C-alpha atoms as a PDB file:
ATOM      1  CA  MET A   1     -35.626  -7.195  -5.011  1.00  0.00           C
ATOM      2  CA  PHE A   2     -33.194  -5.423  -2.654  1.00  0.00           C
ATOM      3  CA  ASP A   3     -35.572  -2.615  -1.729  1.00  0.00           C
ATOM      4  CA  TRP A   4     -36.120  -4.103   1.700  1.00  0.00           C
ATOM      5  CA  LEU A   5     -32.366  -3.979   2.359  1.00  0.00           C
ATOM      6  CA  PHE A   6     -31.651  -0.415   1.387  1.00  0.00           C
ATOM      7  CA  GLY A   7     -35.050   1.193   1.736  1.00  0.00           C
ATOM      8  CA  ILE A   8     -34.377   3.410  -1.273  1.00  0.00           C
ATOM      9  CA  ALA A   9     -37.813   3.040  -2.853  1.00  0.00           C
ATOM     10  CA  LYS A  10     -39.506   3.803   0.451  1.00  0.00           C
ATOM     11  CA  ALA A  11     -37.383   6.902   1.022  1.00  0.00           C
ATOM     12  CA  ILE A  12     -38.050   8.192  -2.489  1.00  0.00           C
ATOM     13  CA  ALA A  13     -41.774   7.584  -2.135  1.00  0.00           C
ATOM     14  CA  GLU A  14     -41.860   9.438   1.180  1.00  0.00           C
ATOM     15  CA  THR A  15     -39.919  12.450  -0.089  1.00  0.00           C
ATOM     16  CA  GLN A  16     -41.856  12.861  -3.354  1.00  0.00           C
ATOM     17  CA  THR A  17     -45.498  13.348  -2.554  1.00  0.00           C
ATOM     18  CA  ASN A  18     -46.924  15.434  -5.429  1.00  0.00           C
ATOM     19  CA  GLY A  19     -43.531  17.001  -6.128  1.00  0.00           C
ATOM     20  CA  ALA A  20     -43.240  18.534  -2.667  1.00  0.00           C
ATOM     21  CA  PRO A  21     -40.814  17.112  -0.106  1.00  0.00           C
ATOM     22  CA  ASP A  22     -42.343  15.422   2.901  1.00  0.00           C
ATOM     23  CA  PRO A  23     -41.621  17.351   6.093  1.00  0.00           C
ATOM     24  CA  GLU A  24     -41.584  14.166   8.193  1.00  0.00           C
ATOM     25  CA  PRO A  25     -38.304  13.353   9.955  1.00  0.00           C
ATOM     26  CA  ASN A  26     -38.678   9.695   8.909  1.00  0.00           C
ATOM     27  CA  ALA A  27     -37.653  10.567   5.350  1.00  0.00           C
ATOM     28  CA  ALA A  28     -34.258  11.823   6.481  1.00  0.00           C
ATOM     29  CA  ALA A  29     -33.775   8.727   8.616  1.00  0.00           C
ATOM     30  CA  ALA A  30     -34.696   6.530   5.667  1.00  0.00           C
ATOM     31  CA  LEU A  31     -32.174   8.267   3.426  1.00  0.00           C
ATOM     32  CA  LEU A  32     -29.514   7.955   6.100  1.00  0.00           C
ATOM     33  CA  SER A  33     -30.235   4.267   6.530  1.00  0.00           C
ATOM     34  CA  SER A  34     -29.941   3.790   2.778  1.00  0.00           C
ATOM     35  CA  PHE A  35     -26.437   5.296   2.766  1.00  0.00           C
ATOM     36  CA  LEU A  36     -25.310   3.488   5.924  1.00  0.00           C
ATOM     37  CA  PRO A  37     -24.231   0.275   4.139  1.00  0.00           C
ATOM     38  CA  MET A  38     -22.084   2.269   1.699  1.00  0.00           C
ATOM     39  CA  ILE A  39     -20.469   4.156   4.556  1.00  0.00           C
ATOM     40  CA  LEU A  40     -19.749   0.909   6.390  1.00  0.00           C
ATOM     41  CA  ILE A  41     -18.218  -0.624   3.255  1.00  0.00           C
ATOM     42  CA  PHE A  42     -15.907   2.390   2.893  1.00  0.00           C
ATOM     43  CA  VAL A  43     -14.844   2.130   6.550  1.00  0.00           C
ATOM     44  CA  VAL A  44     -14.093  -1.590   6.145  1.00  0.00           C
ATOM     45  CA  PHE A  45     -12.093  -0.930   2.961  1.00  0.00           C
ATOM     46  CA  TYR A  46     -10.125   1.795   4.724  1.00  0.00           C
ATOM     47  CA  PHE A  47      -9.121  -0.353   7.692  1.00  0.00           C
ATOM     48  CA  MET A  48      -8.600  -3.578   5.715  1.00  0.00           C
ATOM     49  CA  LEU A  49      -6.883  -2.274   2.549  1.00  0.00           C
ATOM     50  CA  ILE A  50      -5.945   1.400   2.464  1.00  0.00           C
ATOM     51  CA  ARG A  51      -4.441   1.874   5.939  1.00  0.00           C
ATOM     52  CA  PRO A  52      -2.185  -1.246   5.885  1.00  0.00           C
ATOM     53  CA  GLN A  53      -0.916  -0.340   2.398  1.00  0.00           C
ATOM     54  CA  ARG A  54      -0.034   3.180   3.571  1.00  0.00           C
ATOM     55  CA  LYS A  55       1.869   1.721   6.535  1.00  0.00           C
ATOM     56  CA  LYS A  56       3.776  -0.629   4.220  1.00  0.00           C
ATOM     57  CA  ASP A  57       4.607   2.194   1.782  1.00  0.00           C
ATOM     58  CA  LYS A  58       5.839   4.365   4.657  1.00  0.00           C
ATOM     59  CA  LYS A  59       8.068   1.538   5.908  1.00  0.00           C
ATOM     60  CA  VAL A  60       9.567   0.970   2.429  1.00  0.00           C
ATOM     61  CA  LYS A  61      10.205   4.696   1.942  1.00  0.00           C
ATOM     62  CA  GLU A  62      11.904   4.849   5.338  1.00  0.00           C
ATOM     63  CA  MET A  63      14.103   1.838   4.433  1.00  0.00           C
ATOM     64  CA  LEU A  64      15.122   3.443   1.122  1.00  0.00           C
ATOM     65  CA  ASP A  65      15.889   6.754   2.815  1.00  0.00           C
ATOM     66  CA  ASN A  66      18.110   5.015   5.397  1.00  0.00           C
ATOM     67  CA  LEU A  67      20.322   3.186   2.872  1.00  0.00           C
ATOM     68  CA  LYS A  68      24.021   3.763   3.436  1.00  0.00           C
ATOM     69  CA  VAL A  69      27.314   2.631   1.983  1.00  0.00           C
ATOM     70  CA  GLY A  70      28.238  -0.851   3.172  1.00  0.00           C
ATOM     71  CA  ASP A  71      24.667  -2.149   3.517  1.00  0.00           C
ATOM     72  CA  ARG A  72      24.020  -5.616   2.135  1.00  0.00           C
ATOM     73  CA  ILE A  73      20.842  -5.512   0.024  1.00  0.00           C
ATOM     74  CA  CYS A  74      18.650  -7.735  -2.117  1.00  0.00           C
ATOM     75  CA  THR A  75      17.054  -6.315  -5.269  1.00  0.00           C
ATOM     76  CA  ILE A  76      13.586  -7.115  -6.587  1.00  0.00           C
ATOM     77  CA  GLY A  77      15.332  -9.275  -9.192  1.00  0.00           C
ATOM     78  CA  GLY A  78      16.999 -11.396  -6.512  1.00  0.00           C
ATOM     79  CA  ILE A  79      20.512  -9.978  -6.849  1.00  0.00           C
ATOM     80  CA  TYR A  80      22.474  -9.663  -3.600  1.00  0.00           C
ATOM     81  CA  GLY A  81      25.102  -6.988  -3.354  1.00  0.00           C
ATOM     82  CA  THR A  82      26.859  -4.476  -1.138  1.00  0.00           C
ATOM     83  CA  VAL A  83      26.123  -0.767  -1.523  1.00  0.00           C
ATOM     84  CA  SER A  84      29.234   1.052  -2.698  1.00  0.00           C
ATOM     85  CA  GLY A  85      27.658   4.414  -3.508  1.00  0.00           C
ATOM     86  CA  LEU A  86      24.400   6.305  -3.455  1.00  0.00           C
ATOM     87  CA  ARG A  87      22.908   9.014  -5.605  1.00  0.00           C
ATOM     88  CA  GLU A  88      19.478  10.589  -5.598  1.00  0.00           C
ATOM     89  CA  ASN A  89      17.690   7.869  -7.612  1.00  0.00           C
ATOM     90  CA  GLU A  90      20.308   5.170  -8.073  1.00  0.00           C
ATOM     91  CA  VAL A  91      22.336   2.756  -5.983  1.00  0.00           C
ATOM     92  CA  HIS A  92      25.823   1.544  -6.905  1.00  0.00           C
ATOM     93  CA  LEU A  93      26.491  -2.071  -5.898  1.00  0.00           C
ATOM     94  CA  LYS A  94      29.404  -4.460  -5.726  1.00  0.00           C
ATOM     95  CA  VAL A  95      28.194  -7.906  -6.718  1.00  0.00           C
ATOM     96  CA  GLY A  96      29.788 -11.361  -6.642  1.00  0.00           C
ATOM     97  CA  VAL A  97      33.250 -12.683  -5.965  1.00  0.00           C
ATOM     98  CA  ASN A  98      35.028 -10.117  -8.147  1.00  0.00           C
ATOM     99  CA  ASN A  99      33.061  -7.164  -6.716  1.00  0.00           C
ATOM    100  CA  THR A 100      31.558  -6.435 -10.114  1.00  0.00           C
ATOM    101  CA  PRO A 101      30.116  -2.907 -10.163  1.00  0.00           C
ATOM    102  CA  MET A 102      26.436  -2.536 -10.895  1.00  0.00           C
ATOM    103  CA  VAL A 103      24.020   0.392 -10.920  1.00  0.00           C
ATOM    104  CA  ILE A 104      20.337  -0.085 -10.066  1.00  0.00           C
ATOM    105  CA  ALA A 105      17.400   2.218  -9.432  1.00  0.00           C
ATOM    106  CA  ARG A 106      16.767   3.006  -5.791  1.00  0.00           C
ATOM    107  CA  TRP A 107      13.171   1.734  -5.994  1.00  0.00           C
ATOM    108  CA  ALA A 108      14.505  -1.689  -7.083  1.00  0.00           C
ATOM    109  CA  VAL A 109      15.827  -2.447  -3.583  1.00  0.00           C
ATOM    110  CA  ARG A 110      13.644  -5.080  -1.919  1.00  0.00           C
ATOM    111  CA  ASN A 111      15.234  -5.199   1.515  1.00  0.00           C
ATOM    112  CA  VAL A 112      18.362  -4.578   3.531  1.00  0.00           C
ATOM    113  CA  ASP A 113      19.901  -7.716   5.026  1.00  0.00           C
ATOM    114  CA  THR A 114      20.910  -7.558   8.649  1.00  0.00           C
ATOM    115  CA  GLU A 115      22.949 -10.779   8.501  1.00  0.00           C
ATOM    116  CA  THR A 116      26.396 -10.861   6.942  1.00  0.00           C
ATOM    117  CA  VAL A 117      27.344 -13.611   4.526  1.00  0.00           C
ATOM    118  CA  GLU A 118      30.584 -15.287   5.596  1.00  0.00           C
ATOM    119  CA  ASN A 119      31.196 -17.531   2.602  1.00  0.00           C
ATOM    120  CA  GLU A 120      30.164 -15.211  -0.219  1.00  0.00           C
ATOM    121  CA  GLY A 121      33.410 -15.906  -2.087  1.00  0.00           C
ATOM    122  CA  ASP A 122      32.824 -19.663  -2.228  1.00  0.00           C
ATOM    123  CA  LEU A 123      31.267 -20.836  -5.458  1.00  0.00           C
ATOM    124  CA  ILE A 124      28.824 -23.709  -5.378  1.00  0.00           C
ATOM    125  CA  VAL A 125      29.219 -25.891  -8.459  1.00  0.00           C
END
């Protein structure tokens, strides 16, 4: 059904004449043309999926490496806090009005806020 698209059956028939390979250069071209769609699919996957994900991972790693005391962060759970200490794999936060201490994993940091919150102490009821 898809033999016309890939040319696989034609390439196999040309290369297997009585068990001996066909010395014609068309057989190699037919095999190459049969692998061309797979190569193109891999190239599209690389530029559409793999490369952007690597860029994003590099950006996140850079953000986590540049954390410092005093940064205002948001965790993946939605908790906002101020970094009060750093260790190799954990971040110590001060959270809320009473500066409640909290320890989270470093990978749990979603982003670093660049804006300061002026009315953090005000409770909304």
